[in-house]
Amino acid sequence: MPIIQIETFIQSSIQTCFDLSRSIDIHMQSTAHTKEKAVAGVTSGLIGLNETVTWEAIHFGIKLRLTSKITEFDSPHYFVDEMVKGPFQGFRHEHHFIEYETGTKMTDSFQYTSPLGLLGKAADQIFLKAYMEKLLSRRNNYIKDIAEQ
């Protein structure tokens, strides 16, 4: 099970970083290159505890749907979204926020299990983990740019 850890320091308040990270609209803007859109559940605004969103996007030339649910929530310090339906066997994405005098450290911990057994594990090593790291980094940099305006 690959685990991806990304830390991003943002010169903005913890509440701003927390809210931008759970904004459906900001997520869609940051993933426009995959044509990602919210198609069910919470489809705009801020998602909260026990709410779900179904995303539709194109990855590797294939249209995919994934539904995730906010399973843990401690504003403005922490929230977790977990896949409840989609192409992975499962994933858990933890979002942590620590406030400092000069801004906020946002830490993502993303762990997932690929489908297809050994073939999925090979895909992780060859390209999938790097692809997911790039996707998460791009999203975090987008949040950073918006928060620091």
Protein backbone atom coordinates (compact mmCIF):
# COMPACT_ATOMS: atom_id res chain seq x y z
CA MET A 1 0.00 0.00 0.00
CA PRO A 2 1.77 3.18 -1.18
CA ILE A 3 1.77 6.16 1.17
CA ILE A 4 2.36 9.66 -0.16
CA GLN A 5 3.30 12.48 2.24
CA ILE A 6 3.35 16.08 1.02
CA GLU A 7 4.05 19.14 3.17
CA THR A 8 3.18 22.61 1.91
CA PHE A 9 3.84 25.80 3.83
CA ILE A 10 1.31 28.53 3.09
CA GLN A 11 1.55 32.12 4.24
CA SER A 12 -2.09 32.32 5.25
CA SER A 13 -4.32 31.52 8.21
CA ILE A 14 -5.10 27.97 9.24
CA GLN A 15 -8.84 28.53 8.64
CA THR A 16 -8.24 29.76 5.08
CA CYS A 17 -6.05 26.74 4.28
CA PHE A 18 -8.53 24.33 5.87
CA ASP A 19 -11.48 25.77 3.97
CA LEU A 20 -9.68 25.93 0.62
CA SER A 21 -8.68 22.27 1.06
CA ARG A 22 -12.28 21.15 1.47
CA SER A 23 -13.70 23.42 -1.22
CA ILE A 24 -15.31 21.47 -4.05
CA ASP A 25 -14.94 24.48 -6.37
CA ILE A 26 -11.20 24.91 -5.67
CA HIS A 27 -10.68 21.17 -6.17
CA MET A 28 -12.33 21.31 -9.60
CA GLN A 29 -10.24 24.35 -10.58
CA SER A 30 -7.01 22.65 -9.48
CA THR A 31 -7.80 19.50 -11.47
CA ALA A 32 -9.20 21.15 -14.61
CA HIS A 33 -6.51 19.41 -16.67
CA THR A 34 -8.25 16.07 -15.92
CA LYS A 35 -11.71 17.57 -16.56
CA GLU A 36 -12.59 16.64 -12.99
CA LYS A 37 -16.04 17.68 -11.87
CA ALA A 38 -18.33 16.95 -8.95
CA VAL A 39 -21.39 15.12 -10.28
CA ALA A 40 -23.21 13.92 -7.14
CA GLY A 41 -23.37 14.59 -3.41
CA VAL A 42 -21.84 17.93 -2.47
CA THR A 43 -21.11 19.52 -5.85
CA SER A 44 -20.05 23.03 -4.77
CA GLY A 45 -19.05 24.95 -1.67
CA LEU A 46 -17.43 23.37 1.37
CA ILE A 47 -17.77 19.67 2.16
CA GLY A 48 -18.16 18.61 5.80
CA LEU A 49 -18.36 15.63 8.11
CA ASN A 50 -20.26 12.58 6.77
CA GLU A 51 -20.88 14.27 3.42
CA THR A 52 -19.96 12.62 0.13
CA VAL A 53 -18.91 13.82 -3.29
CA THR A 54 -18.75 11.84 -6.51
CA TRP A 55 -16.02 12.97 -8.88
CA GLU A 56 -15.84 12.26 -12.56
CA ALA A 57 -12.49 12.76 -14.32
CA ILE A 58 -10.34 11.53 -17.14
CA HIS A 59 -7.12 9.79 -16.11
CA PHE A 60 -4.91 7.89 -18.55
CA GLY A 61 -7.52 8.52 -21.25
CA ILE A 62 -10.26 6.75 -19.27
CA LYS A 63 -13.33 8.43 -17.73
CA LEU A 64 -13.48 7.37 -14.08
CA ARG A 65 -15.92 7.97 -11.22
CA LEU A 66 -14.95 8.01 -7.58
CA THR A 67 -17.08 8.70 -4.51
CA SER A 68 -15.41 9.83 -1.30
CA LYS A 69 -16.79 10.63 2.14
CA ILE A 70 -15.52 12.92 4.87
CA THR A 71 -15.10 10.44 7.74
CA GLU A 72 -13.23 12.56 10.30
CA PHE A 73 -13.39 16.30 10.87
CA ASP A 74 -11.78 18.62 13.43
CA SER A 75 -11.95 22.19 12.12
CA PRO A 76 -9.52 23.80 11.35
CA HIS A 77 -6.87 21.19 12.17
CA TYR A 78 -7.74 17.94 10.42
CA PHE A 79 -10.09 16.11 8.13
CA VAL A 80 -10.09 12.78 6.33
CA ASP A 81 -11.71 11.74 3.09
CA GLU A 82 -12.01 8.07 2.19
CA MET A 83 -13.10 6.40 -1.02
CA VAL A 84 -16.41 4.57 -0.70
CA LYS A 85 -16.72 3.65 -4.38
CA GLY A 86 -14.29 3.87 -7.25
CA PRO A 87 -11.33 2.45 -9.13
CA PHE A 88 -9.04 1.83 -6.14
CA GLN A 89 -9.53 -1.03 -3.70
CA GLY A 90 -9.49 1.81 -1.20
CA PHE A 91 -7.87 5.06 -0.20
CA ARG A 92 -7.58 7.29 2.83
CA HIS A 93 -6.51 10.92 2.48
CA GLU A 94 -5.63 12.72 5.71
CA HIS A 95 -5.34 16.52 5.69
CA HIS A 96 -3.46 18.07 8.64
CA PHE A 97 -3.03 21.79 9.35
CA ILE A 98 -0.66 23.37 11.88
CA GLU A 99 -0.66 27.12 12.41
CA TYR A 100 2.59 29.01 12.85
CA GLU A 101 3.26 32.69 13.38
CA THR A 102 4.08 33.14 9.69
CA GLY A 103 1.47 30.84 8.17
CA THR A 104 0.19 27.28 8.07
CA LYS A 105 1.82 23.94 7.38
CA MET A 106 -0.53 21.76 5.39
CA THR A 107 0.35 18.07 5.36
CA ASP A 108 -1.32 15.49 3.16
CA SER A 109 -1.00 11.80 3.91
CA PHE A 110 -2.51 9.76 1.09
CA GLN A 111 -2.53 5.97 1.24
CA TYR A 112 -4.19 3.80 -1.33
CA THR A 113 -4.51 0.23 -2.50
CA SER A 114 -4.51 -0.35 -6.24
CA PRO A 115 -6.81 -2.90 -7.84
CA LEU A 116 -5.59 -5.90 -9.86
CA GLY A 117 -3.25 -7.50 -7.30
CA LEU A 118 0.32 -7.87 -8.59
CA LEU A 119 -0.47 -5.92 -11.76
CA GLY A 120 -1.67 -3.01 -9.60
CA LYS A 121 1.48 -3.19 -7.47
CA ALA A 122 3.61 -3.08 -10.60
CA ALA A 123 1.63 -0.06 -11.85
CA ASP A 124 2.30 1.67 -8.50
CA GLN A 125 6.04 1.27 -8.93
CA ILE A 126 6.15 2.08 -12.62
CA PHE A 127 3.88 5.15 -12.79
CA LEU A 128 0.84 5.39 -10.50
CA LYS A 129 2.51 6.57 -7.29
CA ALA A 130 4.43 9.29 -9.17
CA TYR A 131 1.23 10.31 -10.97
CA MET A 132 -0.68 10.61 -7.69
CA GLU A 133 2.18 12.60 -6.07
CA LYS A 134 2.15 15.04 -8.98
CA LEU A 135 -1.66 15.37 -8.82
CA LEU A 136 -1.60 16.11 -5.07
CA SER A 137 1.33 18.53 -5.36
CA ARG A 138 -0.39 20.41 -8.16
CA ARG A 139 -3.54 20.70 -6.05
CA ASN A 140 -1.60 21.92 -3.00
CA ASN A 141 0.31 24.49 -5.05
CA TYR A 142 -2.99 25.77 -6.43
CA ILE A 143 -4.35 26.13 -2.89
CA LYS A 144 -1.13 27.91 -1.86
CA ASP A 145 -1.42 30.36 -4.76
CA ILE A 146 -5.07 31.19 -3.93
CA ALA A 147 -4.43 31.49 -0.16
CA GLU A 148 -1.43 33.79 -0.58
CA GLN A 149 -3.17 36.28 -2.89
